[in-house]
Amino acid sequence: MRVIGLMSGTSVDGIDAALVEISGPPDDLQLHLLQGHTYPYPPALRTQILAVCAGAPLTMAALAELDDQIATCFAEAALQVQTHSPAELIGSHGQTVFHRPPVPNNGHRQLGYSLQLGRGALIAQLTGIPTVSNFRAADIAVGGQGAPLVPAVDVCLLRHDTLDRCVQNIGGMGNVAYLPARGRSATAGSGPTFLGWDTGPGNALLDLAVQHFSGGSQTFDRDGAWAAQGTPCQALVQQWLQQDFFQQPPPKSTGRELFGEAYLAECLQAAETQHLSPADVLATLTELTAASIADSYRRFLPRLPDQVLLCGGGSRNLYLRQRLQAQLDPIPVCTTDDIGLSADFKEAIAFAVLAYWRYHHCPGNLPEVTGARQSVLLGEIHLGSAQRA
């Protein structure tokens, strides 16, 4: 089956579209990436999305218009990525604009809430292809975080026979999947076999800081070259790591609601007291991303992995990779490219797989990762115009 996965993360830097061919049973998939491309948002739309993510109010009419604009962009990405092979199914994560994890409330646990814009029904109509969307809602309804969802796919595609692996995505936020070796899991003792959680900020604070220091002329630090000119302030990093989120045990998830513009403003204020240059600030924020990942491994894993595989935009940040390697040495830090799975499009590929599972009535969440009470089918299926009765 040829499936398109569509994903835009908290960096809001564009829509990743991956056309993949999937075969085999759901628990032993064979997957081939036929085409992958990133389609940037129109600048005005990206600005509006970022404003909404930062808490800017908007009317219901404006929300509906934004929902349709995003869906149209996702549909265009799906149509354009089909250069040679037409797709039979689309899995669209949509654009997250709000995420609230479950929270205690007067002795009870209040359900979480997560909103992804870019409605699947419109994508299905514009493309004529059945579309699965709104993946997080079902997991949240049974008490889960609704995130991260990709670890279930990582288990299927990236588990090794003899190596314990951490698959670390670094997008706007970071998240990890811990995959114990197949040969070791049978004697691993009590507790969940697989683990996963959001590790904290990935690129989001770095991108916001680059925009701040460049007056908006740059949106990110290519290869981490600017940050590499600075010196990280370890005292600030250690101070920031005391933040409640980093202390909280999994399952946990986060977003720009916590690590966004307001958080960056606090970081910049603290940096002023240390008389840091812009390069020093970027180096320190990079160190926070690397240190928070390594710290979470040491806090919450039953043992450190034999190998770390990076994916997402942050895997292309050479300075960030160097700092993460320094934090985890001697554990090798590679990318999923090194084992044959595109680091740039792995998240989009994952939502193609999640759509494939939903289409074949297979649960897609890992309760031990999200905190859900049970495994559930993820996503809502919308038929395109060609499939209408």
Protein backbone atom coordinates (compact mmCIF):
# COMPACT_ATOMS: atom_id res chain seq x y z
CA MET A 1 0.00 0.00 0.00
CA ARG A 2 1.30 3.47 -0.89
CA VAL A 3 0.73 5.89 1.98
CA ILE A 4 1.57 9.56 2.45
CA GLY A 5 2.58 10.79 5.89
CA LEU A 6 2.18 14.51 6.60
CA MET A 7 3.76 16.23 9.58
CA SER A 8 4.47 19.75 10.78
CA GLY A 9 6.02 19.99 14.22
CA THR A 10 6.36 22.66 16.87
CA SER A 11 9.11 24.40 14.88
CA VAL A 12 6.41 25.28 12.30
CA ASP A 13 9.11 25.35 9.63
CA GLY A 14 7.04 23.56 6.99
CA ILE A 15 5.11 20.44 6.11
CA ASP A 16 7.11 17.24 5.77
CA ALA A 17 5.50 14.91 3.23
CA ALA A 18 6.71 11.33 2.84
CA LEU A 19 5.32 8.89 0.28
CA VAL A 20 6.10 5.36 1.39
CA GLU A 21 5.29 1.87 0.22
CA ILE A 22 4.28 -0.40 3.09
CA SER A 23 3.88 -4.15 2.98
CA GLY A 24 3.79 -7.04 5.41
CA PRO A 25 1.84 -7.71 8.60
CA PRO A 26 1.32 -4.74 10.98
CA ASP A 27 3.90 -5.97 13.51
CA ASP A 28 6.58 -6.76 10.90
CA LEU A 29 6.35 -4.07 8.27
CA GLN A 30 8.53 -3.63 5.23
CA LEU A 31 8.82 0.02 4.30
CA HIS A 32 10.34 1.89 1.37
CA LEU A 33 10.51 5.68 1.09
CA LEU A 34 9.50 6.58 -2.46
CA GLN A 35 9.58 10.36 -2.11
CA GLY A 36 10.10 12.94 0.60
CA HIS A 37 9.93 16.72 0.51
CA THR A 38 9.38 19.65 2.86
CA TYR A 39 6.91 22.32 1.76
CA PRO A 40 7.32 25.65 3.60
CA TYR A 41 4.26 27.47 4.84
CA PRO A 42 3.54 30.85 3.25
CA PRO A 43 5.34 33.36 5.51
CA ALA A 44 2.15 35.11 6.63
CA LEU A 45 0.50 31.81 7.55
CA ARG A 46 3.57 30.65 9.50
CA THR A 47 3.59 33.95 11.42
CA GLN A 48 -0.09 33.50 12.30
CA ILE A 49 0.43 29.91 13.45
CA LEU A 50 3.34 30.91 15.67
CA ALA A 51 1.26 33.72 17.17
CA VAL A 52 -1.57 31.32 17.99
CA CYS A 53 0.91 28.85 19.51
CA ALA A 54 2.19 31.70 21.66
CA GLY A 55 -1.32 32.35 22.99
CA ALA A 56 -2.62 35.08 20.67
CA PRO A 57 -6.44 35.16 20.90
CA LEU A 58 -8.59 34.68 17.80
CA THR A 59 -12.30 34.43 17.06
CA MET A 60 -14.00 31.18 16.18
CA ALA A 61 -14.37 32.47 12.61
CA ALA A 62 -10.63 33.14 12.45
CA LEU A 63 -9.93 29.71 13.92
CA ALA A 64 -12.07 28.07 11.23
CA GLU A 65 -10.27 30.02 8.52
CA LEU A 66 -6.87 29.06 9.92
CA ASP A 67 -7.95 25.41 10.12
CA ASP A 68 -8.92 25.46 6.44
CA GLN A 69 -5.76 27.28 5.35
CA ILE A 70 -3.58 24.69 7.05
CA ALA A 71 -5.62 21.81 5.62
CA THR A 72 -5.26 23.29 2.13
CA CYS A 73 -1.47 23.51 2.54
CA PHE A 74 -1.35 19.90 3.75
CA ALA A 75 -3.48 18.76 0.79
CA GLU A 76 -1.21 20.60 -1.66
CA ALA A 77 1.83 18.92 -0.10
CA ALA A 78 0.16 15.51 -0.49
CA LEU A 79 -0.64 16.17 -4.14
CA GLN A 80 2.83 17.45 -4.96
CA VAL A 81 4.75 14.60 -3.33
CA GLN A 82 3.05 12.08 -5.65
CA THR A 83 5.41 12.66 -8.57
CA HIS A 84 5.28 9.13 -9.96
CA SER A 85 3.30 6.82 -7.68
CA PRO A 86 -0.26 7.75 -6.64
CA ALA A 87 -1.09 7.21 -2.97
CA GLU A 88 -3.95 5.11 -1.59
CA LEU A 89 -4.03 6.61 1.92
CA ILE A 90 -2.90 9.73 3.79
CA GLY A 91 -1.93 10.02 7.44
CA SER A 92 -1.90 13.66 8.54
CA HIS A 93 -0.72 14.71 11.99
CA GLY A 94 -1.81 18.30 11.36
CA GLN A 95 -0.35 21.37 13.02
CA THR A 96 -0.36 21.41 16.81
CA VAL A 97 -1.41 24.81 18.16
CA PHE A 98 -2.25 23.79 21.73
CA HIS A 99 -1.24 20.90 23.95
CA ARG A 100 -2.23 20.38 27.60
CA PRO A 101 -1.08 17.17 29.26
CA PRO A 102 -3.30 15.45 31.85
CA VAL A 103 -3.09 17.19 35.23
CA PRO A 104 -4.20 16.29 38.77
CA ASN A 105 -7.45 18.05 39.70
CA ASN A 106 -8.88 17.78 43.22
CA GLY A 107 -7.76 14.20 43.63
CA HIS A 108 -8.78 13.24 40.10
CA ARG A 109 -6.75 13.30 36.92
CA GLN A 110 -8.10 15.84 34.45
CA LEU A 111 -7.94 14.60 30.87
CA GLY A 112 -5.42 16.22 28.62
CA TYR A 113 -6.31 18.17 25.52
CA SER A 114 -4.45 18.62 22.25
CA LEU A 115 -5.50 20.59 19.18
CA GLN A 116 -4.10 19.95 15.72
CA LEU A 117 -5.38 22.15 12.90
CA GLY A 118 -5.68 21.08 9.27
CA ARG A 119 -8.86 19.02 9.29
CA GLY A 120 -8.61 15.65 7.66
CA ALA A 121 -12.05 15.80 6.05
CA LEU A 122 -10.95 18.74 3.89
CA ILE A 123 -7.63 17.08 3.00
CA ALA A 124 -9.55 13.99 1.87
CA GLN A 125 -11.90 16.07 -0.27
CA LEU A 126 -9.14 18.13 -1.87
CA THR A 127 -6.98 15.11 -2.68
CA GLY A 128 -9.62 12.43 -3.28
CA ILE A 129 -7.59 10.14 -1.01
CA PRO A 130 -8.84 8.61 2.27
CA THR A 131 -7.20 10.53 5.09
CA VAL A 132 -6.56 9.58 8.70
CA SER A 133 -6.17 12.54 11.09
CA ASN A 134 -6.63 13.62 14.73
CA PHE A 135 -4.37 10.84 15.99
CA ARG A 136 -3.92 12.08 19.56
CA ALA A 137 -7.55 12.31 20.66
CA ALA A 138 -8.25 8.61 21.25
CA ASP A 139 -5.17 8.15 23.45
CA ILE A 140 -6.08 11.24 25.47
CA ALA A 141 -9.65 10.00 25.93
CA VAL A 142 -8.33 6.92 27.80
CA GLY A 143 -6.12 9.01 30.08
CA GLY A 144 -2.99 9.26 27.95
CA GLN A 145 -0.79 12.20 27.11
CA GLY A 146 -1.57 11.86 23.39
CA ALA A 147 2.19 12.09 22.86
CA PRO A 148 4.68 10.95 21.94
CA LEU A 149 3.02 8.61 19.44
CA VAL A 150 6.02 7.80 17.25
CA PRO A 151 7.71 5.34 19.69
CA ALA A 152 5.23 2.62 18.66
CA VAL A 153 6.50 2.97 15.10
CA ASP A 154 10.11 3.06 16.31
CA VAL A 155 9.57 -0.29 18.02
CA CYS A 156 8.37 -1.74 14.73
CA LEU A 157 11.06 -0.25 12.46
CA LEU A 158 14.17 0.36 14.57
CA ARG A 159 14.45 -2.26 17.29
CA HIS A 160 17.76 -4.18 17.22
CA ASP A 161 18.50 -7.78 18.11
CA THR A 162 21.44 -7.10 20.43
CA LEU A 163 21.67 -3.30 20.98
CA ASP A 164 19.60 -1.19 23.36
CA ARG A 165 18.71 1.93 21.40
CA CYS A 166 17.37 5.39 22.13
CA VAL A 167 15.72 7.02 19.15
CA GLN A 168 15.87 10.74 19.86
CA ASN A 169 13.78 13.09 17.77
CA ILE A 170 14.82 16.75 17.96
CA GLY A 171 12.17 18.95 16.43
CA GLY A 172 10.76 22.04 18.11
CA MET A 173 10.54 19.78 21.16
CA GLY A 174 12.57 16.64 21.81
CA ASN A 175 11.19 13.17 22.43
CA VAL A 176 12.80 9.79 22.95
CA ALA A 177 11.86 6.16 22.39
CA TYR A 178 13.81 3.58 24.40
CA LEU A 179 14.04 0.26 22.56
CA PRO A 180 15.67 -2.56 24.53
CA ALA A 181 17.31 -5.24 22.41
CA ARG A 182 15.02 -8.10 21.44
CA GLY A 183 17.37 -10.62 23.00
CA ARG A 184 17.43 -8.78 26.31
CA SER A 185 13.74 -7.96 26.78
CA ALA A 186 12.73 -11.46 27.83
CA THR A 187 14.94 -11.22 30.93
CA ALA A 188 14.65 -7.49 31.55
CA GLY A 189 12.70 -7.95 34.77
CA SER A 190 9.61 -6.05 35.86
CA GLY A 191 8.36 -2.82 34.38
CA PRO A 192 7.48 -1.78 30.84
CA THR A 193 9.62 -3.09 28.01
CA PHE A 194 9.43 0.13 26.02
CA LEU A 195 9.69 3.69 27.29
CA GLY A 196 9.24 7.10 25.74
CA TRP A 197 8.62 10.71 26.71
CA ASP A 198 9.14 14.30 25.67
CA THR A 199 12.61 15.32 26.83
CA GLY A 200 11.96 19.09 26.69
CA PRO A 201 12.96 21.82 24.25
CA GLY A 202 14.61 20.78 21.01
CA ASN A 203 15.01 23.58 18.48
CA ALA A 204 12.19 25.85 19.61
CA LEU A 205 14.11 28.06 22.05
CA LEU A 206 17.12 28.16 19.73
CA ASP A 207 15.02 29.27 16.77
CA LEU A 208 13.25 31.94 18.82
CA ALA A 209 16.60 33.23 20.11
CA VAL A 210 18.07 33.39 16.59
CA GLN A 211 15.06 35.37 15.42
CA HIS A 212 15.45 37.68 18.42
CA PHE A 213 19.16 38.34 17.94
CA SER A 214 18.97 38.65 14.15
CA GLY A 215 16.00 41.02 14.19
CA GLY A 216 13.96 38.44 12.30
CA SER A 217 16.38 38.10 9.38
CA GLN A 218 17.23 34.50 10.38
CA THR A 219 14.83 31.80 11.51
CA PHE A 220 17.37 29.19 12.65
CA ASP A 221 21.09 28.66 13.26
CA ARG A 222 22.32 26.61 10.30
CA ASP A 223 24.62 23.80 11.48
CA GLY A 224 24.74 25.53 14.87
CA ALA A 225 27.48 27.76 13.46
CA TRP A 226 26.48 30.84 15.48
CA ALA A 227 26.17 28.90 18.73
CA ALA A 228 29.54 27.23 18.09
CA GLN A 229 31.19 30.67 18.37
CA GLY A 230 29.99 31.02 21.96
CA THR A 231 30.69 29.40 25.31
CA PRO A 232 27.84 27.75 27.23
CA CYS A 233 27.20 29.00 30.75
CA GLN A 234 27.02 25.77 32.72
CA ALA A 235 25.70 27.52 35.83
CA LEU A 236 22.60 28.63 33.91
CA VAL A 237 22.13 25.20 32.36
CA GLN A 238 22.17 23.58 35.78
CA GLN A 239 19.76 26.21 37.07
CA TRP A 240 17.34 25.65 34.17
CA LEU A 241 17.47 21.88 34.63
CA GLN A 242 15.83 22.36 38.04
CA GLN A 243 12.62 23.35 36.24
CA ASP A 244 9.70 21.11 37.27
CA PHE A 245 9.22 19.49 33.88
CA PHE A 246 12.72 18.03 33.84
CA GLN A 247 12.19 16.52 37.31
CA GLN A 248 8.81 14.99 36.43
CA PRO A 249 8.95 11.25 35.68
CA PRO A 250 7.39 9.87 32.48
CA PRO A 251 4.87 9.63 31.00
CA LYS A 252 5.09 13.29 30.10
CA SER A 253 4.73 15.60 27.12
CA THR A 254 5.21 19.30 26.51
CA GLY A 255 5.13 22.03 23.89
CA ARG A 256 5.41 25.74 23.25
CA GLU A 257 2.91 26.35 26.03
CA LEU A 258 5.84 25.74 28.40
CA PHE A 259 8.98 26.15 26.28
CA GLY A 260 8.01 29.12 24.14
CA GLU A 261 8.43 32.88 24.00
CA ALA A 262 7.72 33.48 27.68
CA TYR A 263 10.27 30.87 28.71
CA LEU A 264 12.86 32.35 26.33
CA ALA A 265 12.26 35.79 27.85
CA GLU A 266 13.14 34.35 31.27
CA CYS A 267 16.27 32.74 29.80
CA LEU A 268 17.36 36.01 28.18
CA GLN A 269 16.84 37.88 31.44
CA ALA A 270 18.99 35.33 33.28
CA ALA A 271 21.64 35.56 30.54
CA GLU A 272 21.88 39.33 31.03
CA THR A 273 22.92 38.82 34.64
CA GLN A 274 25.78 36.64 33.37
CA HIS A 275 26.76 39.22 30.70
CA LEU A 276 26.48 36.67 27.90
CA SER A 277 26.91 37.57 24.24
CA PRO A 278 24.29 36.40 21.69
CA ALA A 279 26.62 33.53 20.69
CA ASP A 280 27.01 32.57 24.36
CA VAL A 281 23.23 32.56 24.81
CA LEU A 282 22.78 30.31 21.77
CA ALA A 283 25.53 27.99 23.02
CA THR A 284 23.85 27.87 26.44
CA LEU A 285 20.42 27.08 24.98
CA THR A 286 22.02 24.38 22.83
CA GLU A 287 23.62 22.97 25.96
CA LEU A 288 20.22 22.96 27.67
CA THR A 289 18.77 20.82 24.87
CA ALA A 290 21.71 18.39 24.97
CA ALA A 291 21.91 18.29 28.77
CA SER A 292 18.16 17.82 29.24
CA ILE A 293 18.24 14.82 26.88
CA ALA A 294 21.22 13.21 28.61
CA ASP A 295 19.89 14.03 32.08
CA SER A 296 16.53 12.42 31.31
CA TYR A 297 18.25 9.23 30.14
CA ARG A 298 20.19 8.99 33.38
CA ARG A 299 17.12 9.75 35.49
CA PHE A 300 14.47 7.62 33.85
CA LEU A 301 16.02 4.74 31.89
CA PRO A 302 16.67 1.37 33.53
CA ARG A 303 20.12 1.50 31.91
CA LEU A 304 21.86 3.73 29.39
CA PRO A 305 21.52 2.67 25.74
CA ASP A 306 24.22 1.13 23.59
CA GLN A 307 23.42 3.55 20.77
CA VAL A 308 21.53 6.80 20.23
CA LEU A 309 19.88 7.48 16.86
CA LEU A 310 18.92 11.08 16.11
CA CYS A 311 16.22 12.29 13.74
CA GLY A 312 14.37 15.53 13.05
CA GLY A 313 15.73 18.94 12.18
CA GLY A 314 18.02 19.06 15.20
CA SER A 315 19.94 16.06 13.85
CA ARG A 316 21.35 18.45 11.20
CA ASN A 317 22.67 20.87 13.83
CA LEU A 318 26.33 19.85 13.97
CA TYR A 319 27.10 21.80 17.14
CA LEU A 320 24.09 20.31 18.95
CA ARG A 321 25.19 16.83 17.91
CA GLN A 322 28.69 17.50 19.22
CA ARG A 323 27.35 18.71 22.55
CA LEU A 324 25.01 15.73 22.88
CA GLN A 325 27.86 13.37 22.06
CA ALA A 326 29.96 15.07 24.76
CA GLN A 327 27.11 14.66 27.26
CA LEU A 328 26.67 10.95 26.46
CA ASP A 329 30.25 9.89 25.72
CA PRO A 330 31.23 7.07 25.12
CA ILE A 331 27.77 6.08 23.80
CA PRO A 332 27.82 6.60 20.00
CA VAL A 333 25.39 9.25 18.73
CA CYS A 334 24.38 8.62 15.12
CA THR A 335 21.33 9.42 12.97
CA THR A 336 18.66 7.13 11.62
CA ASP A 337 20.16 7.83 8.18
CA ASP A 338 23.06 5.63 9.26
CA ILE A 339 20.76 2.61 9.50
CA GLY A 340 18.69 3.33 6.40
CA LEU A 341 15.73 5.38 7.67
CA SER A 342 15.54 9.04 6.67
CA ALA A 343 16.27 11.31 9.63
CA ASP A 344 14.57 14.22 7.87
CA PHE A 345 11.29 12.40 7.17
CA LYS A 346 11.10 9.82 9.95
CA GLU A 347 8.28 11.63 11.74
CA ALA A 348 6.24 11.93 8.54
CA ILE A 349 6.97 8.27 7.79
CA ALA A 350 5.69 7.40 11.26
CA PHE A 351 2.31 8.99 10.57
CA ALA A 352 2.06 7.06 7.32
CA VAL A 353 2.55 3.88 9.38
CA LEU A 354 0.04 5.01 12.03
CA ALA A 355 -2.49 5.65 9.26
CA TYR A 356 -1.76 2.20 7.80
CA TRP A 357 -2.37 0.63 11.21
CA ARG A 358 -5.63 2.56 11.66
CA TYR A 359 -6.82 1.54 8.19
CA HIS A 360 -6.18 -2.11 9.14
CA HIS A 361 -7.82 -1.74 12.59
CA CYS A 362 -4.58 -2.08 14.57
CA PRO A 363 -4.03 -0.07 17.79
CA GLY A 364 -1.30 2.53 17.42
CA ASN A 365 -0.44 3.79 20.90
CA LEU A 366 1.93 2.40 23.51
CA PRO A 367 0.19 2.81 26.89
CA GLU A 368 3.50 2.46 28.74
CA VAL A 369 4.72 5.52 26.84
CA THR A 370 1.65 7.78 26.83
CA GLY A 371 0.15 6.69 30.15
CA ALA A 372 -3.11 5.59 28.53
CA ARG A 373 -5.17 2.94 30.30
CA GLN A 374 -5.29 0.72 27.21
CA SER A 375 -4.28 0.34 23.60
CA VAL A 376 -6.67 2.04 21.17
CA LEU A 377 -7.14 2.73 17.50
CA LEU A 378 -5.63 6.12 16.70
CA GLY A 379 -7.10 8.57 14.24
CA GLU A 380 -10.31 9.29 12.39
CA ILE A 381 -10.78 8.10 8.80
CA HIS A 382 -12.20 10.53 6.25
CA LEU A 383 -13.11 9.31 2.76
CA GLY A 384 -12.19 11.45 -0.22
CA SER A 385 -14.69 12.41 -2.93
CA ALA A 386 -13.72 9.40 -5.05
CA GLN A 387 -14.74 7.07 -2.23
CA ARG A 388 -18.17 8.55 -1.52
CA ALA A 389 -21.06 6.13 -1.85
